[in-house]
Amino acid sequence: MSEEMICHFGKHEGERMGEIPSGYLRWAIENIDPVPLPKYRKNEDGTSKSIEEVNQMEADMRSFLSEAEDELKRREEDGE
């Protein structure tokens, strides 16, 4: 990975992938559905986000979960 991913949500928002505890990465992989819930499909003013915005949110979450899997594999290979 050329640039380490930054978490964009939740408890570890703003942290680099390598700084996030393995337990949280496992939890995210096992529990997070990348499709945004209806409440996240709206803007702060209550208007609906565009299809493109919702699709981008899903793509970002899929990317995060994929990177989390890769990071866990790397840690296992390194004996961490």
Protein backbone atom coordinates (compact mmCIF):
# COMPACT_ATOMS: atom_id res chain seq x y z
CA MET A 1 0.00 0.00 0.00
CA SER A 2 1.53 3.28 -1.05
CA GLU A 3 -0.29 5.47 1.48
CA GLU A 4 -1.68 4.11 4.71
CA MET A 5 -5.46 4.38 4.94
CA ILE A 6 -7.01 6.64 7.54
CA CYS A 7 -10.16 5.44 9.32
CA HIS A 8 -13.06 7.73 8.39
CA PHE A 9 -15.64 6.68 10.98
CA GLY A 10 -16.32 5.60 14.53
CA LYS A 11 -14.10 5.17 17.55
CA HIS A 12 -10.86 5.28 15.56
CA GLU A 13 -11.77 8.06 13.14
CA GLY A 14 -8.64 9.88 11.95
CA GLU A 15 -6.26 7.06 12.93
CA ARG A 16 -3.97 5.27 10.48
CA MET A 17 -4.79 1.63 9.75
CA GLY A 18 -1.54 0.52 11.41
CA GLU A 19 -2.53 2.26 14.67
CA ILE A 20 -5.95 0.62 15.00
CA PRO A 21 -6.05 -2.37 17.38
CA SER A 22 -6.46 -5.79 15.77
CA GLY A 23 -9.58 -6.47 17.83
CA TYR A 24 -11.33 -3.46 16.35
CA LEU A 25 -10.31 -4.43 12.81
CA ARG A 26 -11.70 -7.95 13.36
CA TRP A 27 -14.90 -6.50 14.81
CA ALA A 28 -15.29 -4.17 11.81
CA ILE A 29 -14.76 -6.97 9.28
CA GLU A 30 -17.25 -9.25 11.04
CA ASN A 31 -19.94 -6.66 11.82
CA ILE A 32 -19.97 -3.73 9.42
CA ASP A 33 -22.19 -3.85 6.35
CA PRO A 34 -20.64 -1.49 3.79
CA VAL A 35 -24.06 -0.35 2.53
CA PRO A 36 -24.90 2.90 4.36
CA LEU A 37 -27.88 2.78 6.71
CA PRO A 38 -30.79 5.10 5.78
CA LYS A 39 -29.85 7.64 8.47
CA TYR A 40 -26.42 8.09 6.83
CA ARG A 41 -27.98 8.64 3.42
CA LYS A 42 -29.13 12.08 4.52
CA ASN A 43 -27.27 15.35 4.92
CA GLU A 44 -27.20 17.24 8.20
CA ASP A 45 -30.12 19.39 7.00
CA GLY A 46 -32.27 16.29 6.35
CA THR A 47 -32.03 16.33 2.57
CA SER A 48 -31.11 13.10 0.82
CA LYS A 49 -27.57 12.56 -0.39
CA SER A 50 -27.13 11.94 -4.09
CA ILE A 51 -26.82 8.41 -5.44
CA GLU A 52 -23.19 9.20 -6.24
CA GLU A 53 -22.50 10.23 -2.63
CA VAL A 54 -24.13 7.09 -1.24
CA ASN A 55 -22.23 4.92 -3.73
CA GLN A 56 -18.98 6.64 -2.73
CA MET A 57 -19.70 6.01 0.95
CA GLU A 58 -20.21 2.30 0.19
CA ALA A 59 -17.05 2.14 -1.92
CA ASP A 60 -15.06 3.85 0.86
CA MET A 61 -16.33 1.37 3.45
CA ARG A 62 -15.60 -1.62 1.19
CA SER A 63 -12.09 -0.26 0.69
CA PHE A 64 -11.61 0.18 4.45
CA LEU A 65 -12.79 -3.37 5.17
CA SER A 66 -10.53 -4.80 2.47
CA GLU A 67 -7.55 -2.86 3.85
CA ALA A 68 -8.46 -4.07 7.36
CA GLU A 69 -8.32 -7.69 6.17
CA ASP A 70 -4.94 -7.07 4.53
CA GLU A 71 -3.62 -5.39 7.70
CA LEU A 72 -4.70 -8.31 9.88
CA LYS A 73 -3.03 -10.79 7.52
CA ARG A 74 0.16 -8.72 7.59
CA ARG A 75 0.14 -8.65 11.39
CA GLU A 76 -0.39 -12.42 11.57
CA GLU A 77 2.48 -13.01 9.13
CA ASP A 78 4.70 -10.70 11.21
CA GLY A 79 3.72 -12.54 14.39
CA GLU A 80 2.00 -9.53 15.93
